[in-house]
């Protein structure tokens, strides 16, 4: 299941999560973000129950984008125990993203 992260649920779903969380900061108008969407969706299915995988629309959630200094999209931030452990900006292939998620397990 792919999560939708918002200002309202970020604390509970991401920072207080008992499993690692991958947050995809994106926008609907962003071409590279659209290219990453099917990869992110497949990772959400593959790692369900092991890693929370979800998206945060920067146009709807500007406060979160500012808080985590998202300057370019897509930006992928991995949280574990409420802390940022990895940040990647831009396109990546499914193998690279999968490698990052495997490193969490």
N, C-alpha and C. Protein backbone atom coordinates (compact mmCIF):
# COMPACT_ATOMS: atom_id res chain seq x y z
N UNK A 1 0.85 -1.19 0.00
CA UNK A 1 0.00 0.00 0.00
C UNK A 1 0.89 1.25 0.00
N UNK A 2 0.56 2.16 -0.87
CA UNK A 2 1.30 3.42 -0.93
C UNK A 2 0.59 4.43 -0.03
N UNK A 3 1.32 5.01 0.89
CA UNK A 3 0.75 5.97 1.84
C UNK A 3 0.73 7.37 1.23
N UNK A 4 -0.16 8.20 1.76
CA UNK A 4 -0.18 9.62 1.42
C UNK A 4 0.17 10.37 2.70
N UNK A 5 1.32 11.04 2.69
CA UNK A 5 1.76 11.74 3.88
C UNK A 5 1.37 13.21 3.79
N UNK A 6 0.82 13.71 4.90
CA UNK A 6 0.37 15.10 4.97
C UNK A 6 0.89 15.71 6.28
N UNK A 7 0.73 17.01 6.40
CA UNK A 7 1.11 17.67 7.65
C UNK A 7 0.36 17.05 8.82
N UNK A 8 -0.90 16.68 8.59
CA UNK A 8 -1.74 16.14 9.66
C UNK A 8 -1.28 14.77 10.14
N UNK A 9 -0.75 13.93 9.25
CA UNK A 9 -0.41 12.57 9.66
C UNK A 9 1.09 12.28 9.70
N UNK A 10 1.93 13.26 9.37
CA UNK A 10 3.37 13.02 9.24
C UNK A 10 4.01 12.56 10.55
N UNK A 11 3.66 13.20 11.62
CA UNK A 11 4.22 12.83 12.93
C UNK A 11 3.94 11.36 13.24
N UNK A 12 2.68 10.96 13.14
CA UNK A 12 2.29 9.60 13.50
C UNK A 12 2.78 8.57 12.48
N UNK A 13 2.61 8.85 11.19
CA UNK A 13 2.91 7.86 10.16
C UNK A 13 4.41 7.75 9.83
N UNK A 14 5.14 8.85 9.96
CA UNK A 14 6.55 8.84 9.57
C UNK A 14 7.47 8.88 10.79
N UNK A 15 7.37 9.94 11.58
CA UNK A 15 8.33 10.14 12.67
C UNK A 15 8.17 9.14 13.80
N UNK A 16 6.94 8.66 14.03
CA UNK A 16 6.71 7.69 15.11
C UNK A 16 6.55 6.26 14.60
N UNK A 17 6.83 6.04 13.33
CA UNK A 17 6.68 4.71 12.74
C UNK A 17 7.66 3.73 13.38
N UNK A 18 7.19 2.50 13.59
CA UNK A 18 8.08 1.47 14.15
C UNK A 18 8.85 0.73 13.06
N UNK A 19 8.60 1.07 11.79
CA UNK A 19 9.38 0.53 10.67
C UNK A 19 9.92 1.71 9.86
N UNK A 20 10.96 1.50 9.06
CA UNK A 20 11.51 2.60 8.23
C UNK A 20 10.45 3.14 7.27
N UNK A 21 10.63 4.39 6.86
CA UNK A 21 9.67 5.07 5.98
C UNK A 21 10.42 5.75 4.84
N UNK A 22 9.94 5.52 3.61
CA UNK A 22 10.43 6.23 2.44
C UNK A 22 9.38 7.25 2.04
N UNK A 23 9.76 8.53 2.03
CA UNK A 23 8.84 9.59 1.62
C UNK A 23 9.31 10.13 0.28
N UNK A 24 8.41 10.08 -0.70
CA UNK A 24 8.65 10.62 -2.04
C UNK A 24 8.00 12.01 -2.08
N UNK A 25 8.83 13.06 -2.04
CA UNK A 25 8.33 14.43 -2.18
C UNK A 25 8.21 14.70 -3.68
N UNK A 26 6.99 15.03 -4.14
CA UNK A 26 6.73 15.14 -5.57
C UNK A 26 5.72 16.25 -5.85
N UNK A 27 5.47 16.49 -7.14
CA UNK A 27 4.37 17.36 -7.58
C UNK A 27 3.76 16.73 -8.83
N UNK A 28 2.47 16.95 -9.02
CA UNK A 28 1.78 16.36 -10.17
C UNK A 28 2.32 16.86 -11.51
N UNK A 29 2.82 18.09 -11.54
CA UNK A 29 3.29 18.69 -12.79
C UNK A 29 4.73 18.30 -13.13
N UNK A 30 5.38 17.56 -12.28
CA UNK A 30 6.81 17.22 -12.43
C UNK A 30 6.98 15.95 -13.26
N UNK A 31 7.60 16.09 -14.43
CA UNK A 31 7.83 14.95 -15.31
C UNK A 31 8.65 13.84 -14.68
N UNK A 32 9.82 14.16 -14.10
CA UNK A 32 10.61 13.11 -13.44
C UNK A 32 9.83 12.42 -12.30
N UNK A 33 9.00 13.18 -11.60
CA UNK A 33 8.19 12.58 -10.53
C UNK A 33 7.21 11.56 -11.11
N UNK A 34 6.62 11.90 -12.26
CA UNK A 34 5.69 10.98 -12.92
C UNK A 34 6.42 9.72 -13.38
N UNK A 35 7.68 9.89 -13.82
CA UNK A 35 8.46 8.73 -14.23
C UNK A 35 8.76 7.80 -13.06
N UNK A 36 8.93 8.38 -11.87
CA UNK A 36 9.23 7.59 -10.68
C UNK A 36 7.99 6.94 -10.07
N UNK A 37 6.82 7.45 -10.36
CA UNK A 37 5.59 6.99 -9.71
C UNK A 37 5.40 5.47 -9.79
N UNK A 38 5.53 4.83 -10.96
CA UNK A 38 5.33 3.37 -10.97
C UNK A 38 6.39 2.60 -10.18
N UNK A 39 7.60 3.13 -10.12
CA UNK A 39 8.67 2.48 -9.35
C UNK A 39 8.34 2.56 -7.86
N UNK A 40 7.93 3.75 -7.42
CA UNK A 40 7.58 3.94 -6.01
C UNK A 40 6.39 3.05 -5.64
N UNK A 41 5.41 2.99 -6.52
CA UNK A 41 4.24 2.15 -6.27
C UNK A 41 4.62 0.68 -6.16
N UNK A 42 5.51 0.21 -7.02
CA UNK A 42 5.91 -1.20 -6.95
C UNK A 42 6.70 -1.49 -5.67
N UNK A 43 7.51 -0.52 -5.22
CA UNK A 43 8.27 -0.71 -3.97
C UNK A 43 7.31 -0.74 -2.77
N UNK A 44 6.25 0.05 -2.85
CA UNK A 44 5.26 0.05 -1.76
C UNK A 44 4.64 -1.33 -1.62
N UNK A 45 4.35 -1.97 -2.74
CA UNK A 45 3.76 -3.32 -2.70
C UNK A 45 4.78 -4.34 -2.22
N UNK A 46 5.99 -4.26 -2.77
CA UNK A 46 7.02 -5.25 -2.46
C UNK A 46 7.44 -5.22 -0.99
N UNK A 47 7.50 -4.02 -0.40
CA UNK A 47 8.01 -3.88 0.97
C UNK A 47 6.91 -3.65 2.01
N UNK A 48 5.67 -3.89 1.62
CA UNK A 48 4.56 -3.70 2.56
C UNK A 48 4.80 -4.51 3.83
N UNK A 49 4.65 -3.83 4.97
CA UNK A 49 4.86 -4.46 6.26
C UNK A 49 6.30 -4.39 6.75
N UNK A 50 7.24 -4.05 5.83
CA UNK A 50 8.65 -3.95 6.20
C UNK A 50 9.13 -2.50 6.15
N UNK A 51 8.67 -1.75 5.14
CA UNK A 51 9.01 -0.34 4.97
C UNK A 51 7.73 0.37 4.53
N UNK A 52 7.40 1.48 5.18
CA UNK A 52 6.28 2.29 4.71
C UNK A 52 6.79 3.11 3.53
N UNK A 53 6.08 3.04 2.44
CA UNK A 53 6.45 3.80 1.25
C UNK A 53 5.27 4.69 0.90
N UNK A 54 5.56 5.99 0.76
CA UNK A 54 4.46 6.90 0.44
C UNK A 54 4.94 8.18 -0.17
N UNK A 55 3.96 9.02 -0.50
CA UNK A 55 4.21 10.25 -1.23
C UNK A 55 3.74 11.46 -0.43
N UNK A 56 4.41 12.58 -0.69
CA UNK A 56 4.02 13.86 -0.09
C UNK A 56 4.03 14.90 -1.21
N UNK A 57 2.86 15.41 -1.55
CA UNK A 57 2.72 16.40 -2.62
C UNK A 57 3.18 17.75 -2.08
N UNK A 58 4.27 18.28 -2.66
CA UNK A 58 4.84 19.52 -2.13
C UNK A 58 3.94 20.73 -2.35
N UNK A 59 3.08 20.68 -3.35
CA UNK A 59 2.16 21.79 -3.58
C UNK A 59 1.09 21.84 -2.50
N UNK A 60 0.67 20.68 -2.03
CA UNK A 60 -0.35 20.61 -0.97
C UNK A 60 0.26 20.72 0.42
N UNK A 61 1.51 20.31 0.56
CA UNK A 61 2.17 20.23 1.87
C UNK A 61 3.46 21.06 1.88
N UNK A 62 3.33 22.34 1.57
CA UNK A 62 4.50 23.23 1.49
C UNK A 62 5.28 23.28 2.80
N UNK A 63 4.56 23.21 3.92
CA UNK A 63 5.22 23.26 5.23
C UNK A 63 6.21 22.10 5.40
N UNK A 64 5.79 20.90 5.00
CA UNK A 64 6.69 19.74 5.10
C UNK A 64 7.87 19.88 4.15
N UNK A 65 7.62 20.35 2.94
CA UNK A 65 8.69 20.54 1.97
C UNK A 65 9.73 21.54 2.51
N UNK A 66 9.26 22.59 3.13
CA UNK A 66 10.17 23.58 3.71
C UNK A 66 10.92 23.00 4.90
N UNK A 67 10.21 22.28 5.76
CA UNK A 67 10.82 21.70 6.96
C UNK A 67 11.98 20.78 6.60
N UNK A 68 11.81 20.02 5.51
CA UNK A 68 12.85 19.06 5.12
C UNK A 68 13.70 19.57 3.96
N UNK A 69 13.64 20.87 3.72
CA UNK A 69 14.49 21.56 2.75
C UNK A 69 14.48 20.91 1.37
N UNK A 70 13.28 20.59 0.91
CA UNK A 70 13.11 20.01 -0.42
C UNK A 70 13.21 21.15 -1.43
N UNK A 71 14.31 21.18 -2.17
CA UNK A 71 14.57 22.25 -3.13
C UNK A 71 14.31 21.80 -4.57
N UNK A 72 14.46 20.52 -4.83
CA UNK A 72 14.23 19.94 -6.15
C UNK A 72 13.41 18.68 -5.96
N UNK A 73 12.65 18.34 -7.01
CA UNK A 73 11.85 17.11 -6.93
C UNK A 73 12.12 16.26 -8.16
N UNK A 74 11.95 14.96 -8.03
CA UNK A 74 11.58 14.26 -6.81
C UNK A 74 12.73 14.22 -5.80
N UNK A 75 12.36 14.29 -4.54
CA UNK A 75 13.30 14.09 -3.44
C UNK A 75 12.78 12.93 -2.61
N UNK A 76 13.66 11.98 -2.34
CA UNK A 76 13.31 10.81 -1.55
C UNK A 76 14.07 10.88 -0.23
N UNK A 77 13.31 10.86 0.87
CA UNK A 77 13.94 10.89 2.19
C UNK A 77 13.52 9.62 2.93
N UNK A 78 14.52 8.93 3.47
CA UNK A 78 14.25 7.72 4.25
C UNK A 78 14.42 8.06 5.73
N UNK A 79 13.39 7.75 6.49
CA UNK A 79 13.38 7.98 7.93
C UNK A 79 13.42 6.63 8.64
N UNK A 80 14.16 6.60 9.74
CA UNK A 80 14.16 5.43 10.61
C UNK A 80 14.23 5.94 12.04
N UNK A 81 13.31 5.46 12.87
CA UNK A 81 13.23 5.90 14.27
C UNK A 81 13.12 7.42 14.36
N UNK A 82 12.41 8.02 13.42
CA UNK A 82 12.17 9.47 13.44
C UNK A 82 13.31 10.32 12.91
N UNK A 83 14.39 9.68 12.48
CA UNK A 83 15.56 10.41 11.98
C UNK A 83 15.76 10.18 10.49
N UNK A 84 16.28 11.20 9.82
CA UNK A 84 16.61 11.06 8.40
C UNK A 84 17.89 10.25 8.30
N UNK A 85 17.84 9.17 7.51
CA UNK A 85 19.05 8.37 7.33
C UNK A 85 19.55 8.40 5.89
N UNK A 86 18.72 8.88 4.95
CA UNK A 86 19.17 8.98 3.57
C UNK A 86 18.30 9.98 2.81
N UNK A 87 18.93 10.76 1.96
CA UNK A 87 18.21 11.68 1.09
C UNK A 87 18.78 11.53 -0.32
N UNK A 88 17.88 11.38 -1.29
CA UNK A 88 18.28 11.28 -2.69
C UNK A 88 17.40 12.23 -3.50
N UNK A 89 18.02 13.01 -4.37
CA UNK A 89 17.29 13.94 -5.22
C UNK A 89 17.42 13.49 -6.67
N UNK A 90 16.28 13.45 -7.36
CA UNK A 90 16.28 13.14 -8.78
C UNK A 90 15.89 11.71 -9.08
N UNK A 91 15.95 11.41 -10.38
CA UNK A 91 15.57 10.09 -10.86
C UNK A 91 16.55 9.02 -10.40
N UNK A 92 16.03 7.83 -10.18
CA UNK A 92 16.88 6.66 -9.96
C UNK A 92 16.12 5.45 -10.50
N UNK A 93 16.85 4.43 -10.84
CA UNK A 93 16.17 3.24 -11.36
C UNK A 93 15.68 2.38 -10.20
N UNK A 94 14.86 1.40 -10.54
CA UNK A 94 14.25 0.58 -9.49
C UNK A 94 15.30 -0.19 -8.69
N UNK A 95 16.40 -0.59 -9.34
CA UNK A 95 17.44 -1.33 -8.63
C UNK A 95 18.10 -0.47 -7.55
N UNK A 96 18.33 0.81 -7.88
CA UNK A 96 18.95 1.71 -6.91
C UNK A 96 18.03 1.94 -5.71
N UNK A 97 16.76 2.18 -5.99
CA UNK A 97 15.80 2.40 -4.90
C UNK A 97 15.64 1.13 -4.07
N UNK A 98 15.57 0.00 -4.74
CA UNK A 98 15.43 -1.26 -4.02
C UNK A 98 16.65 -1.52 -3.13
N UNK A 99 17.83 -1.18 -3.62
CA UNK A 99 19.06 -1.35 -2.84
C UNK A 99 19.00 -0.53 -1.57
N UNK A 100 18.50 0.70 -1.67
CA UNK A 100 18.36 1.56 -0.48
C UNK A 100 17.40 0.93 0.53
N UNK A 101 16.29 0.40 0.04
CA UNK A 101 15.29 -0.20 0.93
C UNK A 101 15.81 -1.50 1.55
N UNK A 102 16.52 -2.29 0.75
CA UNK A 102 17.10 -3.53 1.28
C UNK A 102 18.09 -3.23 2.40
N UNK A 103 18.81 -2.11 2.27
CA UNK A 103 19.77 -1.72 3.29
C UNK A 103 19.14 -1.41 4.63
N UNK A 104 17.84 -1.19 4.64
CA UNK A 104 17.12 -0.90 5.88
C UNK A 104 16.74 -2.15 6.66
N UNK A 105 16.72 -3.26 5.96
CA UNK A 105 16.16 -4.49 6.56
C UNK A 105 17.24 -5.35 7.23
